[in-house]
Amino acid sequence: MLKHFASRSNPNFIFSRSFSSTLFVKGISFSSTEETLAEAFSQCGQVIGVNVTMDKVKRRPKGYAYVTFSSEGEAQKALLEMNGQGIRK
């Protein structure tokens, strides 16, 4: 199938990727909440939404979340500033 895409007039199309205003955040604490994450990431810009994915059986976060900013620029700033940083409650 890759060969099929490579034979088209724009072979780089499959590698193009635009930045989004939503970041995937992994490795969050099981005690993390939407509020604590929104507070931590708000230093980088306006957070318009946080979605902490929950384990329905254990009733705790699965260890990752999605943080949505009001703009792509704010999300890029958060990615640069928060990447690899711990978040304290």
Protein backbone atom coordinates (compact mmCIF):
# COMPACT_ATOMS: atom_id res chain seq x y z
CA MET A 1 0.00 0.00 0.00
CA LEU A 2 2.90 2.38 0.67
CA LYS A 3 4.03 1.82 -2.90
CA HIS A 4 0.60 2.94 -4.08
CA PHE A 5 0.90 6.26 -2.21
CA ALA A 6 4.50 6.79 -3.33
CA SER A 7 3.50 6.57 -6.97
CA ARG A 8 1.12 9.57 -6.70
CA SER A 9 2.16 13.02 -7.84
CA ASN A 10 2.90 14.18 -4.26
CA PRO A 11 4.87 11.40 -2.55
CA ASN A 12 5.45 13.52 0.58
CA PHE A 13 1.74 13.73 1.33
CA ILE A 14 1.81 10.73 3.66
CA PHE A 15 4.50 12.42 5.75
CA SER A 16 2.80 15.79 6.11
CA ARG A 17 1.44 16.56 9.53
CA SER A 18 -0.08 19.68 10.96
CA PHE A 19 0.18 20.72 14.58
CA SER A 20 -2.94 20.63 16.71
CA SER A 21 -4.04 22.66 19.70
CA THR A 22 -4.58 19.41 21.64
CA LEU A 23 -1.69 17.67 23.38
CA PHE A 24 -1.51 14.02 24.44
CA VAL A 25 -0.02 13.91 27.94
CA LYS A 26 1.25 10.55 29.15
CA GLY A 27 2.62 9.39 32.46
CA ILE A 28 0.21 11.35 34.63
CA SER A 29 -0.33 10.33 38.23
CA PHE A 30 -3.27 8.12 39.12
CA SER A 31 -4.38 10.93 41.43
CA SER A 32 -4.38 13.53 38.64
CA THR A 33 -7.63 15.35 37.94
CA GLU A 34 -8.79 17.58 35.13
CA GLU A 35 -8.48 20.53 37.50
CA THR A 36 -4.87 19.84 38.52
CA LEU A 37 -3.80 19.35 34.91
CA ALA A 38 -5.63 22.49 33.75
CA GLU A 39 -3.92 24.47 36.50
CA ALA A 40 -0.47 23.11 35.63
CA PHE A 41 -0.81 23.72 31.89
CA SER A 42 -2.49 27.13 32.21
CA GLN A 43 0.94 28.70 32.75
CA CYS A 44 1.55 28.09 29.04
CA GLY A 45 -1.71 29.48 27.73
CA GLN A 46 -5.49 29.34 27.91
CA VAL A 47 -6.61 25.76 28.54
CA ILE A 48 -10.08 25.23 27.10
CA GLY A 49 -10.42 21.56 27.98
CA VAL A 50 -8.83 18.59 29.71
CA ASN A 51 -9.90 14.99 29.21
CA VAL A 52 -8.41 12.49 31.66
CA THR A 53 -9.04 8.97 30.36
CA MET A 54 -10.37 6.84 33.20
CA ASP A 55 -10.11 3.10 33.87
CA LYS A 56 -13.73 2.10 34.39
CA VAL A 57 -12.90 -0.95 36.51
CA LYS A 58 -10.33 0.63 38.83
CA ARG A 59 -12.03 4.06 38.75
CA ARG A 60 -8.79 5.96 38.37
CA PRO A 61 -6.90 7.61 35.50
CA LYS A 62 -5.27 5.26 33.00
CA GLY A 63 -2.15 7.42 33.07
CA TYR A 64 -2.78 9.75 30.14
CA ALA A 65 -4.88 12.76 29.23
CA TYR A 66 -5.60 15.22 26.45
CA VAL A 67 -5.13 18.95 27.08
CA THR A 68 -6.67 21.39 24.60
CA PHE A 69 -5.45 24.98 24.27
CA SER A 70 -7.16 27.93 22.63
CA SER A 71 -4.47 28.09 19.92
CA GLU A 72 -1.80 25.96 18.30
CA GLY A 73 0.87 28.43 19.44
CA GLU A 74 -0.05 27.93 23.07
CA ALA A 75 0.02 24.16 22.61
CA GLN A 76 3.47 24.39 21.03
CA LYS A 77 4.66 26.54 23.93
CA ALA A 78 3.34 23.96 26.42
CA LEU A 79 5.03 21.17 24.51
CA LEU A 80 8.37 22.95 24.69
CA GLU A 81 8.08 24.08 28.30
CA MET A 82 6.32 21.11 29.90
CA ASN A 83 7.84 18.19 28.01
CA GLY A 84 9.58 15.93 30.51
CA GLN A 85 8.50 18.02 33.52
CA GLY A 86 6.73 16.59 36.53
CA ILE A 87 3.36 18.00 37.53
CA ARG A 88 2.77 18.52 41.22
CA LYS A 89 -0.64 18.62 42.78
